[in-house]
Amino acid sequence: TLFYLSGDYLEPANQGTYWWPERDSTYQILETLFASADRVFVFTMETNDSKPGLMISLRAMPRAFWFIVIGTFINRCGMPVMPFATLYLTSQNYSVSQAGTALLWYGVGHLGASLGGGQLADTIGRKNTMSLSFFSTTVVMFAFPHVSSLEAIFTLMFFTGLAGELYRPAVNALITDLIPEEHRLAAFAVNRTALNAG
């Protein structure tokens, strides 16, 4: 009688039947088999389903991925502008409540980008969506010092959130396109680290 022992199951070498015992009952089954057989040969086989290590995954990343990570970091460095926008608005004789409402409109735009960014990336492409996001954010930010009405400020804050965050679903989709499945966990971790560091 010849058996193969692999992981949690026993497979007879001369049959196609599998047993899937619980871990605590494996030895009981082996004891029963040993007692009923004249000779038993047991071969153990190690299964290796683990993901590649971090350093292996990092070395496997293509150059385009590292450009994405650097761009994510640089783009995120501009985020402190939003908290300082409240100081700017209050210095322009707007109330704290009005400044807070302006940040609320930024959040609404951010939500819109999260909902529509993926669809836009599928429609016009990942790189085009990212370029649209970066250039439109620049235009909106340059317009801020030239408006004075509260309605215009709310509108610009909305489009700042919309344009500024539109690139993120496209970046995630592009990383998925570039990186093989076994390295995606490390890739998204690195990109998120760049996002938090910025």
Protein backbone atom coordinates (compact mmCIF):
# COMPACT_ATOMS: atom_id res chain seq x y z
CA THR A 1 0.00 0.00 0.00
CA LEU A 2 1.43 3.38 -1.00
CA PHE A 3 0.12 6.67 0.34
CA TYR A 4 1.09 10.27 -0.26
CA LEU A 5 0.68 12.70 2.62
CA SER A 6 0.39 16.31 1.50
CA GLY A 7 -0.88 19.12 3.69
CA ASP A 8 -4.16 17.97 5.26
CA TYR A 9 -5.11 15.13 2.96
CA LEU A 10 -4.09 11.56 2.15
CA GLU A 11 -4.08 10.30 -1.41
CA PRO A 12 -3.65 6.58 -2.16
CA ALA A 13 -1.13 6.15 -4.94
CA ASN A 14 -3.20 3.45 -6.63
CA GLN A 15 -6.63 5.12 -6.30
CA GLY A 16 -8.27 8.41 -7.09
CA THR A 17 -9.96 8.85 -3.71
CA TYR A 18 -9.08 11.70 -1.35
CA TRP A 19 -9.54 11.95 2.39
CA TRP A 20 -9.70 15.40 3.95
CA PRO A 21 -9.27 14.76 7.68
CA GLU A 22 -9.26 17.35 10.41
CA ARG A 23 -5.79 18.11 11.69
CA ASP A 24 -6.42 16.51 15.07
CA SER A 25 -7.68 13.26 13.46
CA THR A 26 -4.85 12.84 10.93
CA TYR A 27 -2.78 10.67 13.23
CA GLN A 28 -5.76 8.46 14.10
CA ILE A 29 -6.32 7.77 10.40
CA LEU A 30 -2.62 7.02 9.90
CA GLU A 31 -2.64 4.65 12.87
CA THR A 32 -5.62 2.78 11.40
CA LEU A 33 -3.96 2.53 8.01
CA PHE A 34 -0.71 1.30 9.49
CA ALA A 35 -2.48 -1.41 11.47
CA SER A 36 -4.29 -2.77 8.40
CA ALA A 37 -1.37 -2.78 5.96
CA ASP A 38 1.58 -5.11 5.61
CA ARG A 39 3.87 -2.38 4.41
CA VAL A 40 3.20 1.37 4.24
CA PHE A 41 5.39 3.94 2.52
CA VAL A 42 4.56 7.51 3.45
CA PHE A 43 5.98 10.39 1.44
CA THR A 44 5.56 13.91 2.76
CA MET A 45 5.30 16.75 0.30
CA GLU A 46 5.56 20.38 1.31
CA THR A 47 3.18 22.80 -0.39
CA ASN A 48 4.39 26.34 -0.97
CA ASP A 49 1.51 28.73 -1.56
CA SER A 50 3.20 31.73 0.01
CA LYS A 51 3.53 35.05 -1.77
CA PRO A 52 6.97 36.30 -2.85
CA GLY A 53 8.87 38.35 -0.30
CA LEU A 54 8.84 42.14 -0.24
CA MET A 55 12.34 42.59 -1.65
CA ILE A 56 11.63 40.14 -4.48
CA SER A 57 8.46 42.04 -5.34
CA LEU A 58 10.22 45.42 -5.23
CA ARG A 59 12.93 44.23 -7.60
CA ALA A 60 10.26 42.96 -9.97
CA MET A 61 8.49 46.32 -10.26
CA PRO A 62 8.79 47.97 -13.69
CA ARG A 63 10.20 51.49 -14.09
CA ALA A 64 6.76 52.89 -14.91
CA PHE A 65 5.54 51.86 -11.45
CA TRP A 66 8.25 53.89 -9.72
CA PHE A 67 7.27 56.96 -11.77
CA ILE A 68 3.73 56.47 -10.46
CA VAL A 69 5.00 56.27 -6.88
CA ILE A 70 7.10 59.44 -7.26
CA GLY A 71 4.20 61.26 -8.88
CA THR A 72 1.87 60.16 -6.09
CA PHE A 73 4.28 61.50 -3.49
CA ILE A 74 4.76 64.86 -5.23
CA ASN A 75 1.06 65.29 -5.86
CA ARG A 76 0.23 64.49 -2.26
CA CYS A 77 2.69 67.11 -1.02
CA GLY A 78 0.18 69.73 -2.16
CA MET A 79 -2.53 68.49 0.21
CA PRO A 80 -1.60 70.89 3.08
CA VAL A 81 -3.04 73.62 0.85
CA MET A 82 -6.55 72.54 1.92
CA PRO A 83 -6.16 73.22 5.67
CA PHE A 84 -4.45 76.52 4.86
CA ALA A 85 -7.41 77.43 2.65
CA THR A 86 -9.44 77.99 5.81
CA LEU A 87 -6.81 80.45 7.07
CA TYR A 88 -6.83 82.20 3.71
CA LEU A 89 -10.62 82.52 3.71
CA THR A 90 -10.80 83.80 7.28
CA SER A 91 -8.07 86.34 6.46
CA GLN A 92 -10.34 87.55 3.65
CA ASN A 93 -13.05 88.37 6.21
CA TYR A 94 -15.06 85.18 5.70
CA SER A 95 -16.44 83.51 8.82
CA VAL A 96 -15.20 80.22 10.19
CA SER A 97 -18.53 78.68 9.21
CA GLN A 98 -18.13 79.82 5.60
CA ALA A 99 -14.56 78.52 5.48
CA GLY A 100 -15.76 75.16 6.81
CA THR A 101 -18.51 75.05 4.18
CA ALA A 102 -15.86 75.62 1.51
CA LEU A 103 -13.98 72.56 2.75
CA LEU A 104 -17.26 70.66 2.69
CA TRP A 105 -17.57 71.39 -1.02
CA TYR A 106 -14.04 70.08 -1.50
CA GLY A 107 -15.16 66.82 0.12
CA VAL A 108 -18.18 66.64 -2.19
CA GLY A 109 -15.88 67.00 -5.20
CA HIS A 110 -13.58 64.32 -3.77
CA LEU A 111 -16.54 61.98 -3.46
CA GLY A 112 -17.52 62.66 -7.07
CA ALA A 113 -13.98 61.85 -8.20
CA SER A 114 -14.04 58.56 -6.33
CA LEU A 115 -17.34 57.61 -7.95
CA GLY A 116 -16.53 58.73 -11.50
CA GLY A 117 -12.76 58.37 -11.73
CA GLY A 118 -12.79 54.66 -12.46
CA GLN A 119 -15.39 55.01 -15.19
CA LEU A 120 -13.46 57.87 -16.76
CA ALA A 121 -10.24 55.83 -16.65
CA ASP A 122 -11.98 53.02 -18.53
CA THR A 123 -13.43 55.46 -21.07
CA ILE A 124 -10.52 57.73 -21.98
CA GLY A 125 -7.65 55.69 -20.56
CA ARG A 126 -5.63 55.69 -17.35
CA LYS A 127 -2.90 58.10 -18.48
CA ASN A 128 -5.36 60.54 -20.01
CA THR A 129 -7.39 60.60 -16.81
CA MET A 130 -4.28 61.26 -14.73
CA SER A 131 -3.15 64.06 -17.07
CA LEU A 132 -6.60 65.62 -16.99
CA SER A 133 -6.57 65.52 -13.21
CA PHE A 134 -3.15 67.13 -12.82
CA PHE A 135 -3.60 69.92 -15.36
CA SER A 136 -7.15 70.81 -14.34
CA THR A 137 -6.12 70.97 -10.68
CA THR A 138 -3.39 73.45 -11.60
CA VAL A 139 -5.86 75.66 -13.47
CA VAL A 140 -8.36 75.62 -10.61
CA MET A 141 -5.73 76.44 -7.99
CA PHE A 142 -4.43 79.40 -10.01
CA ALA A 143 -7.98 80.76 -10.21
CA PHE A 144 -8.38 81.01 -6.43
CA PRO A 145 -6.74 84.42 -5.87
CA HIS A 146 -8.86 85.96 -8.63
CA VAL A 147 -12.31 85.25 -7.20
CA SER A 148 -14.00 87.01 -4.31
CA SER A 149 -17.62 85.88 -4.16
CA LEU A 150 -18.50 83.07 -1.80
CA GLU A 151 -20.35 81.16 -4.51
CA ALA A 152 -17.30 81.22 -6.76
CA ILE A 153 -15.11 80.00 -3.92
CA PHE A 154 -17.47 77.11 -3.20
CA THR A 155 -17.46 76.22 -6.90
CA LEU A 156 -13.66 76.26 -7.07
CA MET A 157 -13.39 74.13 -3.94
CA PHE A 158 -15.74 71.58 -5.47
CA PHE A 159 -13.72 71.41 -8.69
CA THR A 160 -10.47 71.27 -6.69
CA GLY A 161 -11.71 68.15 -4.93
CA LEU A 162 -13.05 66.70 -8.16
CA ALA A 163 -9.98 67.38 -10.29
CA GLY A 164 -7.42 66.77 -7.56
CA GLU A 165 -8.66 63.30 -6.66
CA LEU A 166 -9.71 62.16 -10.12
CA TYR A 167 -6.34 60.55 -10.72
CA ARG A 168 -6.49 58.08 -7.82
CA PRO A 169 -8.85 55.48 -9.33
CA ALA A 170 -6.82 55.73 -12.55
CA VAL A 171 -3.58 55.13 -10.63
CA ASN A 172 -5.02 52.05 -8.94
CA ALA A 173 -6.22 50.71 -12.29
CA LEU A 174 -2.84 51.41 -13.90
CA ILE A 175 -1.00 49.59 -11.13
CA THR A 176 -3.29 46.62 -11.64
CA ASP A 177 -2.48 46.70 -15.36
CA LEU A 178 1.28 46.95 -14.86
CA ILE A 179 1.93 44.62 -11.94
CA PRO A 180 1.48 40.82 -11.99
CA GLU A 181 -0.96 39.47 -9.45
CA GLU A 182 1.68 37.97 -7.15
CA HIS A 183 3.36 41.40 -6.70
CA ARG A 184 0.26 43.61 -6.42
CA LEU A 185 0.09 43.50 -2.63
CA ALA A 186 3.58 45.00 -2.36
CA ALA A 187 2.86 47.47 -5.18
CA PHE A 188 -0.26 48.88 -3.54
CA ALA A 189 1.53 48.99 -0.18
CA VAL A 190 4.39 51.03 -1.66
CA ASN A 191 2.01 53.41 -3.41
CA ARG A 192 -0.01 53.87 -0.23
CA THR A 193 3.20 54.58 1.70
CA ALA A 194 4.06 57.31 -0.82
CA LEU A 195 0.54 58.68 -0.44
CA ASN A 196 0.85 58.86 3.36
CA ALA A 197 4.40 60.22 3.24
CA GLY A 198 3.30 63.08 1.00
